[in-house]
């Protein structure tokens, strides 16, 4: 009976811990992130009637994506070897999951979602080790912006909004371009992680002292 009660308390505590992580993550997202993918989508639509429309075309974007993410994955691995923190490891794993998805092998699409859930669970378990990184506006903003932009791109990818006027005339341009813009945000997060290094709290204090 005691063992059963202890196990029940442990499971309840674990569930409460993860819900707390989700709540903290959602409330920690900068306000400017929420409209970002929609503003980017509007910008892409404005480009379509212009000579620069080819920049948002599916052929170009699909060729760019695996190269952009692949090089970022290698870069993120190098950054982790230099920084050597749990956050840099988590970030590198996330970018490699993105790269495998871009290869479009069988199972990589669903595998990406499984990988993201597993990484989120792992990050939640060790959230104290990544809090200082995510609290920095550059990293927290870029990562949340990338994830939210990916989500909106997937909404177009799965044709949830197919009721919109002339939907199939522009949806590929928005979906593919949003994905690569999300990739660029991840690149920025990796660069910011390298600049901050092992001690984001110390880096923040140094910057504060320099400005005072």
Protein backbone atom coordinates (compact mmCIF):
# COMPACT_ATOMS: atom_id res chain seq x y z
CA UNK A 1 0.00 0.00 0.00
CA UNK A 2 2.79 2.39 0.93
CA UNK A 3 4.67 1.60 -2.30
CA UNK A 4 1.51 2.19 -4.35
CA UNK A 5 0.87 5.52 -2.62
CA UNK A 6 4.49 6.59 -3.09
CA UNK A 7 4.35 5.71 -6.79
CA UNK A 8 1.10 7.67 -7.17
CA UNK A 9 2.67 10.73 -5.52
CA UNK A 10 5.75 10.42 -7.76
CA UNK A 11 3.66 10.24 -10.96
CA UNK A 12 1.51 13.16 -9.81
CA UNK A 13 4.62 15.21 -9.03
CA UNK A 14 6.12 14.38 -12.43
CA UNK A 15 2.94 15.37 -14.28
CA UNK A 16 2.73 18.58 -12.25
CA UNK A 17 6.39 19.31 -13.03
CA UNK A 18 5.87 18.94 -16.79
CA UNK A 19 2.67 21.02 -16.76
CA UNK A 20 4.62 23.68 -14.89
CA UNK A 21 7.30 23.61 -17.61
CA UNK A 22 4.68 24.02 -20.35
CA UNK A 23 3.05 26.92 -18.50
CA UNK A 24 6.40 28.64 -17.93
CA UNK A 25 7.37 28.16 -21.59
CA UNK A 26 4.11 29.57 -22.93
CA UNK A 27 4.03 32.58 -20.63
CA UNK A 28 7.71 33.23 -21.33
CA UNK A 29 7.21 33.68 -25.07
CA UNK A 30 7.80 37.33 -26.09
CA UNK A 31 4.67 39.08 -27.33
CA UNK A 32 6.19 39.87 -30.73
CA UNK A 33 6.55 36.16 -31.53
CA UNK A 34 2.79 35.49 -31.83
CA UNK A 35 2.10 37.72 -34.87
CA UNK A 36 5.50 37.03 -36.46
CA UNK A 37 4.64 34.14 -38.86
CA UNK A 38 1.49 35.96 -39.99
CA UNK A 39 3.44 39.13 -40.74
CA UNK A 40 6.00 37.04 -42.63
CA UNK A 41 3.17 35.34 -44.55
CA UNK A 42 1.77 38.74 -45.50
CA UNK A 43 5.21 39.79 -46.74
CA UNK A 44 5.48 36.63 -48.85
CA UNK A 45 2.05 37.29 -50.38
CA UNK A 46 3.12 40.83 -51.25
CA UNK A 47 6.14 39.43 -53.11
CA UNK A 48 4.11 37.06 -55.30
CA UNK A 49 3.01 39.63 -57.94
CA UNK A 50 6.56 41.00 -58.19
CA UNK A 51 9.64 39.82 -60.14
CA UNK A 52 11.08 38.60 -56.81
CA UNK A 53 8.34 35.96 -56.45
CA UNK A 54 10.77 33.20 -57.50
CA UNK A 55 12.60 33.67 -54.19
CA UNK A 56 9.59 32.19 -52.40
CA UNK A 57 9.03 29.41 -54.94
CA UNK A 58 8.93 25.78 -53.83
CA UNK A 59 11.79 24.60 -56.13
CA UNK A 60 14.29 27.07 -54.66
CA UNK A 61 13.12 26.73 -51.06
CA UNK A 62 13.17 22.91 -51.15
CA UNK A 63 16.75 22.92 -52.47
CA UNK A 64 17.85 25.45 -49.85
CA UNK A 65 16.26 23.73 -46.84
CA UNK A 66 18.41 20.57 -46.46
CA UNK A 67 21.63 22.51 -47.08
CA UNK A 68 20.69 25.25 -44.63
CA UNK A 69 19.63 22.83 -41.89
CA UNK A 70 22.45 20.36 -42.56
CA UNK A 71 25.14 23.01 -42.25
CA UNK A 72 23.41 24.37 -39.14
CA UNK A 73 23.39 20.87 -37.62
CA UNK A 74 27.16 20.57 -38.15
CA UNK A 75 27.64 24.07 -36.74
CA UNK A 76 25.45 23.26 -33.71
CA UNK A 77 27.57 20.15 -33.05
CA UNK A 78 30.75 22.26 -33.14
CA UNK A 79 29.12 24.79 -30.81
CA UNK A 80 28.22 22.03 -28.36
CA UNK A 81 31.80 20.76 -28.35
CA UNK A 82 32.96 24.27 -27.46
CA UNK A 83 30.22 25.19 -25.00
CA UNK A 84 29.63 21.74 -23.54
CA UNK A 85 26.38 22.44 -21.69
CA UNK A 86 23.11 20.53 -21.58
CA UNK A 87 21.41 23.37 -23.46
CA UNK A 88 23.93 23.26 -26.33
CA UNK A 89 23.45 19.47 -26.53
CA UNK A 90 19.68 19.85 -26.58
CA UNK A 91 19.92 22.47 -29.32
CA UNK A 92 22.21 20.31 -31.43
CA UNK A 93 19.85 17.33 -31.12
CA UNK A 94 16.93 19.51 -32.18
CA UNK A 95 18.75 20.76 -35.29
CA UNK A 96 19.74 17.21 -36.28
CA UNK A 97 16.09 16.16 -35.93
CA UNK A 98 15.18 19.04 -38.26
CA UNK A 99 17.82 17.91 -40.75
CA UNK A 100 16.57 14.32 -40.82
CA UNK A 101 13.05 15.60 -41.47
CA UNK A 102 14.31 17.67 -44.41
CA UNK A 103 15.76 14.53 -46.03
CA UNK A 104 12.20 13.24 -46.47
CA UNK A 105 13.01 9.58 -45.84
CA UNK A 106 10.22 7.24 -44.83
CA UNK A 107 9.29 7.84 -41.21
CA UNK A 108 11.32 11.03 -40.78
CA UNK A 109 8.22 13.24 -40.67
CA UNK A 110 6.58 11.37 -37.79
CA UNK A 111 10.00 10.72 -36.30
CA UNK A 112 10.56 14.47 -36.10
CA UNK A 113 7.44 14.95 -33.97
CA UNK A 114 8.50 12.08 -31.71
CA UNK A 115 11.99 13.60 -31.39
CA UNK A 116 10.59 17.03 -30.50
CA UNK A 117 8.33 15.55 -27.82
CA UNK A 118 11.23 13.52 -26.41
CA UNK A 119 13.50 16.58 -26.36
CA UNK A 120 10.77 18.67 -24.72
CA UNK A 121 10.31 16.00 -22.04
CA UNK A 122 14.08 15.85 -21.47
CA UNK A 123 14.33 19.64 -21.34
CA UNK A 124 11.49 19.78 -18.83
CA UNK A 125 13.18 17.25 -16.55
CA UNK A 126 16.34 19.37 -16.50
CA UNK A 127 14.76 22.78 -16.90
CA UNK A 128 16.94 24.40 -14.23
CA UNK A 129 19.97 23.77 -16.45
CA UNK A 130 18.50 25.63 -19.43
CA UNK A 131 16.58 28.41 -17.68
CA UNK A 132 19.39 30.98 -17.94
CA UNK A 133 19.73 30.39 -21.69
CA UNK A 134 16.02 30.60 -22.46
CA UNK A 135 15.61 33.68 -20.27
CA UNK A 136 17.91 35.59 -22.60
CA UNK A 137 15.81 37.51 -25.13
CA UNK A 138 17.93 36.54 -28.12
CA UNK A 139 17.80 32.78 -27.58
CA UNK A 140 14.33 32.56 -26.07
CA UNK A 141 12.83 34.81 -28.74
CA UNK A 142 14.53 33.10 -31.68
CA UNK A 143 13.70 29.56 -30.55
CA UNK A 144 10.07 30.31 -29.69
CA UNK A 145 9.78 32.28 -32.94
CA UNK A 146 11.18 29.35 -34.91
CA UNK A 147 8.88 26.80 -33.27
CA UNK A 148 5.78 28.95 -33.72
CA UNK A 149 6.74 29.68 -37.35
CA UNK A 150 7.22 25.94 -37.98
CA UNK A 151 3.79 25.27 -36.50
CA UNK A 152 2.09 27.83 -38.75
CA UNK A 153 3.99 26.42 -41.75
CA UNK A 154 2.65 22.95 -40.89
CA UNK A 155 -0.88 24.36 -40.77
CA UNK A 156 -0.39 25.31 -44.42
CA UNK A 157 1.37 22.03 -45.17
CA UNK A 158 -1.61 20.01 -43.92
CA UNK A 159 -4.02 22.35 -45.76
CA UNK A 160 -6.04 23.24 -42.67
CA UNK A 161 -6.85 26.62 -44.26
CA UNK A 162 -7.78 25.31 -47.71
CA UNK A 163 -11.07 27.26 -47.56
CA UNK A 164 -9.19 30.54 -48.11
CA UNK A 165 -9.49 32.24 -51.55
CA UNK A 166 -7.11 30.89 -54.25
CA UNK A 167 -5.45 28.83 -51.52
CA UNK A 168 -3.50 26.45 -53.77
CA UNK A 169 -2.06 29.34 -55.79
CA UNK A 170 0.04 30.62 -52.89
CA UNK A 171 0.14 28.02 -50.10
CA UNK A 172 3.38 26.32 -51.25
CA UNK A 173 5.20 29.65 -51.33
CA UNK A 174 4.17 30.51 -47.77
CA UNK A 175 4.71 27.03 -46.31
CA UNK A 176 8.18 26.46 -47.78
CA UNK A 177 9.44 30.00 -47.18
CA UNK A 178 8.15 30.08 -43.59
CA UNK A 179 10.04 26.85 -42.88
CA UNK A 180 13.32 28.30 -44.12
CA UNK A 181 12.74 31.54 -42.21
CA UNK A 182 12.26 29.35 -39.13
CA UNK A 183 15.53 27.61 -39.97
CA UNK A 184 17.28 30.98 -40.06
CA UNK A 185 15.94 31.76 -36.58
CA UNK A 186 17.47 28.49 -35.36
CA UNK A 187 20.78 29.53 -36.93
CA UNK A 188 20.56 32.75 -34.91
CA UNK A 189 19.90 30.79 -31.71
CA UNK A 190 22.96 28.60 -32.33
CA UNK A 191 25.13 31.68 -32.95
CA UNK A 192 23.78 33.30 -29.77
CA UNK A 193 24.57 30.14 -27.79
CA UNK A 194 28.16 30.22 -29.02
CA UNK A 195 28.53 33.87 -28.09
CA UNK A 196 27.10 33.35 -24.61
CA UNK A 197 29.16 30.23 -23.91
CA UNK A 198 28.96 28.14 -20.76
CA UNK A 199 27.69 30.80 -18.35
CA UNK A 200 24.78 32.83 -19.72
CA UNK A 201 24.15 34.41 -16.34
CA UNK A 202 27.77 35.60 -16.16
CA UNK A 203 27.60 36.90 -19.73
CA UNK A 204 24.49 38.87 -18.88
CA UNK A 205 26.19 40.38 -15.83
CA UNK A 206 29.27 41.29 -17.90
CA UNK A 207 27.11 43.07 -20.48
CA UNK A 208 25.25 44.88 -17.71
CA UNK A 209 28.52 46.04 -16.12
CA UNK A 210 29.82 47.24 -19.49
CA UNK A 211 26.72 49.36 -20.04
CA UNK A 212 26.75 50.88 -16.56
